[in-house]
Amino acid sequence: MGSVALLNLWFVASFYKELKLSTFDPGLAAALGFAPGVLHYALMGLVSVTTVAAFDAVGAILVVAFMIVPGATAYLLTRRLPVMLLLSVLTGAGASVLGVQFALAVLFSPHAGAFTQSARRARQRGEFAVRLLVAHLAHHDGRPVDDAELLREFGWGKRFLTRIIGEARTAGLIVPEANGWTLTPAGAAHGGTPPFSPS
């Protein structure tokens, strides 16, 4: 798409006067030897190439919208051709920025954003892991369980285990002993279910 855009920019900039004359007064353009038919078909060929390339990039609906809306908007705002071309470009660029904003909303929406859902799943995984840890300690009837046994039991990484132990301690469910970890009275009272639920 980048090379097609540059080709369009070069063509319009190079043949601006010829295109303007052949579009608004093809008879005079022909009399002056500008071959308006050739210019017309060259422009339509570029439009076709741009359209086909854009179909692959954004789809048919957006292509039609980008071909009509920027020009129509500029036409409503001015009758000067140079200003109209500039406004068309700015309108299309603004629509592209809105598309970026939509992509940001898809990623960071507080309800259904991709990153938000990923963070929610990570939090729920952590809360479930705390439940597993408390339930495991509850089955040891007060015997301390060290990190090595927990790593063997659950197959977690050391960093993840450290995080889960930290969350369990913050919730007041476990305490450190000389030989490992045991439940607090609050942890034992919950029978393996921490006093919080997934969001």
C-alpha atoms as a PDB file:
ATOM      1  CA  MET A   1       0.000   0.000   0.000  1.00  0.00           C
ATOM      2  CA  GLY A   2       2.855   2.414   0.736  1.00  0.00           C
ATOM      3  CA  SER A   3       4.288   2.180  -2.771  1.00  0.00           C
ATOM      4  CA  VAL A   4       0.824   2.606  -4.307  1.00  0.00           C
ATOM      5  CA  ALA A   5       0.224   5.719  -2.204  1.00  0.00           C
ATOM      6  CA  LEU A   6       3.552   7.191  -3.317  1.00  0.00           C
ATOM      7  CA  LEU A   7       2.707   6.413  -6.942  1.00  0.00           C
ATOM      8  CA  ASN A   8      -0.625   8.209  -6.594  1.00  0.00           C
ATOM      9  CA  LEU A   9       1.036  11.191  -4.928  1.00  0.00           C
ATOM     10  CA  TRP A  10       3.673  11.393  -7.683  1.00  0.00           C
ATOM     11  CA  PHE A  11       1.075  11.164 -10.470  1.00  0.00           C
ATOM     12  CA  VAL A  12      -1.207  13.865  -9.055  1.00  0.00           C
ATOM     13  CA  ALA A  13       1.695  16.186  -8.200  1.00  0.00           C
ATOM     14  CA  SER A  14       3.363  15.717 -11.602  1.00  0.00           C
ATOM     15  CA  PHE A  15       0.238  16.103 -13.738  1.00  0.00           C
ATOM     16  CA  TYR A  16      -1.863  18.365 -11.519  1.00  0.00           C
ATOM     17  CA  LYS A  17      -2.385  21.112 -14.143  1.00  0.00           C
ATOM     18  CA  GLU A  18      -3.052  18.612 -16.906  1.00  0.00           C
ATOM     19  CA  LEU A  19      -5.513  16.642 -14.771  1.00  0.00           C
ATOM     20  CA  LYS A  20      -7.292  19.823 -13.692  1.00  0.00           C
ATOM     21  CA  LEU A  21      -7.653  21.063 -17.260  1.00  0.00           C
ATOM     22  CA  SER A  22      -8.694  17.713 -18.761  1.00  0.00           C
ATOM     23  CA  THR A  23     -11.253  17.171 -15.983  1.00  0.00           C
ATOM     24  CA  PHE A  24     -12.978  20.557 -16.152  1.00  0.00           C
ATOM     25  CA  ASP A  25     -12.403  21.462 -19.807  1.00  0.00           C
ATOM     26  CA  PRO A  26     -11.503  18.374 -21.879  1.00  0.00           C
ATOM     27  CA  GLY A  27     -12.077  20.278 -25.139  1.00  0.00           C
ATOM     28  CA  LEU A  28      -9.445  22.881 -24.322  1.00  0.00           C
ATOM     29  CA  ALA A  29      -7.114  20.148 -23.047  1.00  0.00           C
ATOM     30  CA  ALA A  30      -7.431  18.322 -26.376  1.00  0.00           C
ATOM     31  CA  ALA A  31      -6.860  21.541 -28.303  1.00  0.00           C
ATOM     32  CA  LEU A  32      -3.702  22.167 -26.302  1.00  0.00           C
ATOM     33  CA  GLY A  33      -2.485  18.618 -27.010  1.00  0.00           C
ATOM     34  CA  PHE A  34      -2.811  17.229 -23.489  1.00  0.00           C
ATOM     35  CA  ALA A  35      -4.585  13.999 -24.584  1.00  0.00           C
ATOM     36  CA  PRO A  36      -7.351  14.041 -21.934  1.00  0.00           C
ATOM     37  CA  GLY A  37      -8.325  10.472 -22.770  1.00  0.00           C
ATOM     38  CA  VAL A  38      -4.863   9.184 -21.872  1.00  0.00           C
ATOM     39  CA  LEU A  39      -4.841  11.158 -18.637  1.00  0.00           C
ATOM     40  CA  HIS A  40      -8.314   9.912 -17.782  1.00  0.00           C
ATOM     41  CA  TYR A  41      -7.455   6.252 -18.283  1.00  0.00           C
ATOM     42  CA  ALA A  42      -4.120   6.645 -16.501  1.00  0.00           C
ATOM     43  CA  LEU A  43      -5.979   8.100 -13.500  1.00  0.00           C
ATOM     44  CA  MET A  44      -8.618   5.374 -13.621  1.00  0.00           C
ATOM     45  CA  GLY A  45      -5.864   2.761 -13.841  1.00  0.00           C
ATOM     46  CA  LEU A  46      -4.292   4.135 -10.677  1.00  0.00           C
ATOM     47  CA  VAL A  47      -7.691   4.176  -8.984  1.00  0.00           C
ATOM     48  CA  SER A  48      -8.146   0.520  -9.946  1.00  0.00           C
ATOM     49  CA  VAL A  49      -4.712  -0.491  -8.658  1.00  0.00           C
ATOM     50  CA  THR A  50      -5.281   1.411  -5.416  1.00  0.00           C
ATOM     51  CA  THR A  51      -8.711  -0.143  -4.951  1.00  0.00           C
ATOM     52  CA  VAL A  52      -7.464  -3.690  -5.485  1.00  0.00           C
ATOM     53  CA  ALA A  53      -4.552  -3.164  -3.084  1.00  0.00           C
ATOM     54  CA  ALA A  54      -6.885  -1.609  -0.496  1.00  0.00           C
ATOM     55  CA  PHE A  55      -9.351  -4.509  -0.761  1.00  0.00           C
ATOM     56  CA  ASP A  56      -6.646  -6.854   0.514  1.00  0.00           C
ATOM     57  CA  ALA A  57      -5.646  -4.433   3.271  1.00  0.00           C
ATOM     58  CA  VAL A  58      -8.950  -3.249   4.755  1.00  0.00           C
ATOM     59  CA  GLY A  59     -11.844  -4.894   2.917  1.00  0.00           C
ATOM     60  CA  ALA A  60     -14.519  -3.714   0.500  1.00  0.00           C
ATOM     61  CA  ILE A  61     -16.675  -1.666   2.875  1.00  0.00           C
ATOM     62  CA  LEU A  62     -13.828   0.492   4.167  1.00  0.00           C
ATOM     63  CA  VAL A  63     -12.457   0.976   0.645  1.00  0.00           C
ATOM     64  CA  VAL A  64     -15.786   2.332  -0.577  1.00  0.00           C
ATOM     65  CA  ALA A  65     -16.054   4.537   2.519  1.00  0.00           C
ATOM     66  CA  PHE A  66     -12.530   5.922   2.110  1.00  0.00           C
ATOM     67  CA  MET A  67     -13.072   6.610  -1.598  1.00  0.00           C
ATOM     68  CA  ILE A  68     -16.349   8.497  -1.086  1.00  0.00           C
ATOM     69  CA  VAL A  69     -16.466  10.072   2.371  1.00  0.00           C
ATOM     70  CA  PRO A  70     -13.223  12.151   2.402  1.00  0.00           C
ATOM     71  CA  GLY A  71     -13.916  13.698  -1.007  1.00  0.00           C
ATOM     72  CA  ALA A  72     -17.593  14.281  -0.270  1.00  0.00           C
ATOM     73  CA  THR A  73     -16.721  15.879   3.060  1.00  0.00           C
ATOM     74  CA  ALA A  74     -14.157  18.180   1.447  1.00  0.00           C
ATOM     75  CA  TYR A  75     -16.632  19.107  -1.298  1.00  0.00           C
ATOM     76  CA  LEU A  76     -19.114  20.245   1.346  1.00  0.00           C
ATOM     77  CA  LEU A  77     -16.485  22.484   2.941  1.00  0.00           C
ATOM     78  CA  THR A  78     -14.863  24.215  -0.035  1.00  0.00           C
ATOM     79  CA  ARG A  79     -15.096  24.799  -3.764  1.00  0.00           C
ATOM     80  CA  ARG A  80     -11.363  25.399  -4.312  1.00  0.00           C
ATOM     81  CA  LEU A  81      -9.706  22.329  -5.781  1.00  0.00           C
ATOM     82  CA  PRO A  82      -6.340  22.569  -3.953  1.00  0.00           C
ATOM     83  CA  VAL A  83      -8.087  23.053  -0.620  1.00  0.00           C
ATOM     84  CA  MET A  84     -10.485  20.252  -1.465  1.00  0.00           C
ATOM     85  CA  LEU A  85      -7.619  17.845  -2.157  1.00  0.00           C
ATOM     86  CA  LEU A  86      -5.910  18.799   1.110  1.00  0.00           C
ATOM     87  CA  LEU A  87      -9.109  18.403   3.118  1.00  0.00           C
ATOM     88  CA  SER A  88      -9.746  15.027   1.500  1.00  0.00           C
ATOM     89  CA  VAL A  89      -6.316  13.821   2.604  1.00  0.00           C
ATOM     90  CA  LEU A  90      -6.799  15.190   6.132  1.00  0.00           C
ATOM     91  CA  THR A  91     -10.262  13.632   6.394  1.00  0.00           C
ATOM     92  CA  GLY A  92      -8.938  10.238   5.304  1.00  0.00           C
ATOM     93  CA  ALA A  93      -6.031  10.525   7.748  1.00  0.00           C
ATOM     94  CA  GLY A  94      -8.459  11.420  10.532  1.00  0.00           C
ATOM     95  CA  ALA A  95     -10.544   8.359   9.750  1.00  0.00           C
ATOM     96  CA  SER A  96      -7.371   6.270   9.900  1.00  0.00           C
ATOM     97  CA  VAL A  97      -6.587   7.698  13.345  1.00  0.00           C
ATOM     98  CA  LEU A  98     -10.073   6.744  14.489  1.00  0.00           C
ATOM     99  CA  GLY A  99      -9.331   3.252  13.260  1.00  0.00           C
ATOM    100  CA  VAL A 100      -6.206   3.224  15.452  1.00  0.00           C
ATOM    101  CA  GLN A 101      -8.316   4.380  18.375  1.00  0.00           C
ATOM    102  CA  PHE A 102     -10.676   1.495  17.736  1.00  0.00           C
ATOM    103  CA  ALA A 103      -7.723  -0.884  17.775  1.00  0.00           C
ATOM    104  CA  LEU A 104      -6.637   0.589  21.115  1.00  0.00           C
ATOM    105  CA  ALA A 105     -10.144   0.062  22.455  1.00  0.00           C
ATOM    106  CA  VAL A 106     -10.032  -3.551  21.285  1.00  0.00           C
ATOM    107  CA  LEU A 107      -6.786  -4.014  23.202  1.00  0.00           C
ATOM    108  CA  PHE A 108      -7.473  -1.978  26.350  1.00  0.00           C
ATOM    109  CA  SER A 109     -11.252  -1.922  26.815  1.00  0.00           C
ATOM    110  CA  PRO A 110     -12.000  -2.349  30.550  1.00  0.00           C
ATOM    111  CA  HIS A 111     -14.695  -4.883  29.718  1.00  0.00           C
ATOM    112  CA  ALA A 112     -13.581  -6.902  26.703  1.00  0.00           C
ATOM    113  CA  GLY A 113     -10.092  -5.660  25.784  1.00  0.00           C
ATOM    114  CA  ALA A 114      -7.544  -8.293  24.859  1.00  0.00           C
ATOM    115  CA  PHE A 115      -5.033  -7.099  27.458  1.00  0.00           C
ATOM    116  CA  THR A 116      -7.766  -6.660  30.063  1.00  0.00           C
ATOM    117  CA  GLN A 117      -8.998 -10.197  29.553  1.00  0.00           C
ATOM    118  CA  SER A 118      -5.437 -11.503  29.673  1.00  0.00           C
ATOM    119  CA  ALA A 119      -4.834  -9.681  32.973  1.00  0.00           C
ATOM    120  CA  ARG A 120      -8.140 -10.998  34.334  1.00  0.00           C
ATOM    121  CA  ARG A 121      -7.224 -14.568  33.393  1.00  0.00           C
ATOM    122  CA  ALA A 122      -3.814 -14.155  35.039  1.00  0.00           C
ATOM    123  CA  ARG A 123      -5.464 -12.842  38.208  1.00  0.00           C
ATOM    124  CA  GLN A 124      -7.975 -15.696  38.256  1.00  0.00           C
ATOM    125  CA  ARG A 125      -5.166 -18.194  37.728  1.00  0.00           C
ATOM    126  CA  GLY A 126      -3.359 -16.718  40.703  1.00  0.00           C
ATOM    127  CA  GLU A 127      -6.449 -16.866  42.901  1.00  0.00           C
ATOM    128  CA  PHE A 128      -7.048 -20.476  41.914  1.00  0.00           C
ATOM    129  CA  ALA A 129      -3.404 -21.296  42.660  1.00  0.00           C
ATOM    130  CA  VAL A 130      -3.806 -19.790  46.145  1.00  0.00           C
ATOM    131  CA  ARG A 131      -6.796 -22.087  46.678  1.00  0.00           C
ATOM    132  CA  LEU A 132      -4.717 -25.078  45.610  1.00  0.00           C
ATOM    133  CA  LEU A 133      -1.903 -24.068  47.963  1.00  0.00           C
ATOM    134  CA  VAL A 134      -4.220 -23.647  50.939  1.00  0.00           C
ATOM    135  CA  ALA A 135      -6.006 -26.932  50.180  1.00  0.00           C
ATOM    136  CA  HIS A 136      -2.666 -28.735  49.923  1.00  0.00           C
ATOM    137  CA  LEU A 137      -1.488 -27.375  53.268  1.00  0.00           C
ATOM    138  CA  ALA A 138      -4.824 -28.272  54.843  1.00  0.00           C
ATOM    139  CA  HIS A 139      -4.260 -31.935  53.952  1.00  0.00           C
ATOM    140  CA  HIS A 140      -0.972 -31.985  55.883  1.00  0.00           C
ATOM    141  CA  ASP A 141      -2.686 -31.498  59.271  1.00  0.00           C
ATOM    142  CA  GLY A 142      -0.407 -28.737  60.422  1.00  0.00           C
ATOM    143  CA  ARG A 143       2.870 -30.206  59.145  1.00  0.00           C
ATOM    144  CA  PRO A 144       5.002 -27.493  57.498  1.00  0.00           C
ATOM    145  CA  VAL A 145       5.521 -27.916  53.753  1.00  0.00           C
ATOM    146  CA  ASP A 146       8.630 -26.439  52.159  1.00  0.00           C
ATOM    147  CA  ASP A 147       9.074 -24.830  48.762  1.00  0.00           C
ATOM    148  CA  ALA A 148      10.722 -27.877  47.214  1.00  0.00           C
ATOM    149  CA  GLU A 149       7.717 -30.066  47.970  1.00  0.00           C
ATOM    150  CA  LEU A 150       5.325 -27.446  46.641  1.00  0.00           C
ATOM    151  CA  LEU A 151       7.309 -27.175  43.424  1.00  0.00           C
ATOM    152  CA  ARG A 152       7.221 -30.964  42.981  1.00  0.00           C
ATOM    153  CA  GLU A 153       3.539 -31.147  43.840  1.00  0.00           C
ATOM    154  CA  PHE A 154       2.283 -28.445  41.509  1.00  0.00           C
ATOM    155  CA  GLY A 155       4.988 -28.217  38.862  1.00  0.00           C
ATOM    156  CA  TRP A 156       5.104 -24.420  39.169  1.00  0.00           C
ATOM    157  CA  GLY A 157       8.099 -22.245  38.501  1.00  0.00           C
ATOM    158  CA  LYS A 158       9.922 -20.666  41.425  1.00  0.00           C
ATOM    159  CA  ARG A 159       8.811 -17.163  40.458  1.00  0.00           C
ATOM    160  CA  PHE A 160       5.162 -18.185  40.249  1.00  0.00           C
ATOM    161  CA  LEU A 161       5.385 -20.014  43.576  1.00  0.00           C
ATOM    162  CA  THR A 162       6.913 -16.932  45.205  1.00  0.00           C
ATOM    163  CA  ARG A 163       4.046 -14.838  43.862  1.00  0.00           C
ATOM    164  CA  ILE A 164       1.382 -17.266  45.115  1.00  0.00           C
ATOM    165  CA  ILE A 165       2.985 -17.548  48.548  1.00  0.00           C
ATOM    166  CA  GLY A 166       3.072 -13.760  48.735  1.00  0.00           C
ATOM    167  CA  GLU A 167      -0.621 -13.510  47.860  1.00  0.00           C
ATOM    168  CA  ALA A 168      -1.534 -16.202  50.403  1.00  0.00           C
ATOM    169  CA  ARG A 169       0.465 -14.430  53.121  1.00  0.00           C
ATOM    170  CA  THR A 170      -1.113 -11.077  52.240  1.00  0.00           C
ATOM    171  CA  ALA A 171      -4.553 -12.682  52.561  1.00  0.00           C
ATOM    172  CA  GLY A 172      -3.549 -13.978  56.005  1.00  0.00           C
ATOM    173  CA  LEU A 173      -3.928 -17.630  55.027  1.00  0.00           C
ATOM    174  CA  ILE A 174      -0.408 -19.011  55.591  1.00  0.00           C
ATOM    175  CA  VAL A 175       2.602 -18.264  57.787  1.00  0.00           C
ATOM    176  CA  PRO A 176       6.256 -19.332  57.560  1.00  0.00           C
ATOM    177  CA  GLU A 177       7.576 -21.999  59.903  1.00  0.00           C
ATOM    178  CA  ALA A 178      11.096 -23.312  60.405  1.00  0.00           C
ATOM    179  CA  ASN A 179      10.573 -26.147  57.910  1.00  0.00           C
ATOM    180  CA  GLY A 180       8.140 -24.564  55.474  1.00  0.00           C
ATOM    181  CA  TRP A 181       4.645 -23.129  55.391  1.00  0.00           C
ATOM    182  CA  THR A 182       1.542 -23.840  57.482  1.00  0.00           C
ATOM    183  CA  LEU A 183      -1.983 -22.501  57.542  1.00  0.00           C
ATOM    184  CA  THR A 184      -3.076 -19.703  59.816  1.00  0.00           C
ATOM    185  CA  PRO A 185      -6.288 -20.207  61.801  1.00  0.00           C
ATOM    186  CA  ALA A 186      -8.068 -18.187  59.117  1.00  0.00           C
ATOM    187  CA  GLY A 187      -6.677 -20.435  56.359  1.00  0.00           C
ATOM    188  CA  ALA A 188      -7.584 -23.586  58.261  1.00  0.00           C
ATOM    189  CA  ALA A 189     -11.075 -22.250  58.976  1.00  0.00           C
ATOM    190  CA  HIS A 190     -11.769 -21.825  55.268  1.00  0.00           C
ATOM    191  CA  GLY A 191     -10.946 -25.442  54.588  1.00  0.00           C
ATOM    192  CA  GLY A 192      -8.924 -24.657  51.502  1.00  0.00           C
ATOM    193  CA  THR A 193     -11.136 -21.842  50.182  1.00  0.00           C
ATOM    194  CA  PRO A 194      -9.590 -18.367  50.541  1.00  0.00           C
ATOM    195  CA  PRO A 195     -11.864 -15.504  51.596  1.00  0.00           C
ATOM    196  CA  PHE A 196     -12.050 -13.975  48.129  1.00  0.00           C
ATOM    197  CA  SER A 197     -13.494 -14.933  44.757  1.00  0.00           C
ATOM    198  CA  PRO A 198     -12.330 -14.380  41.180  1.00  0.00           C
ATOM    199  CA  SER A 199     -13.284 -11.093  39.585  1.00  0.00           C
END
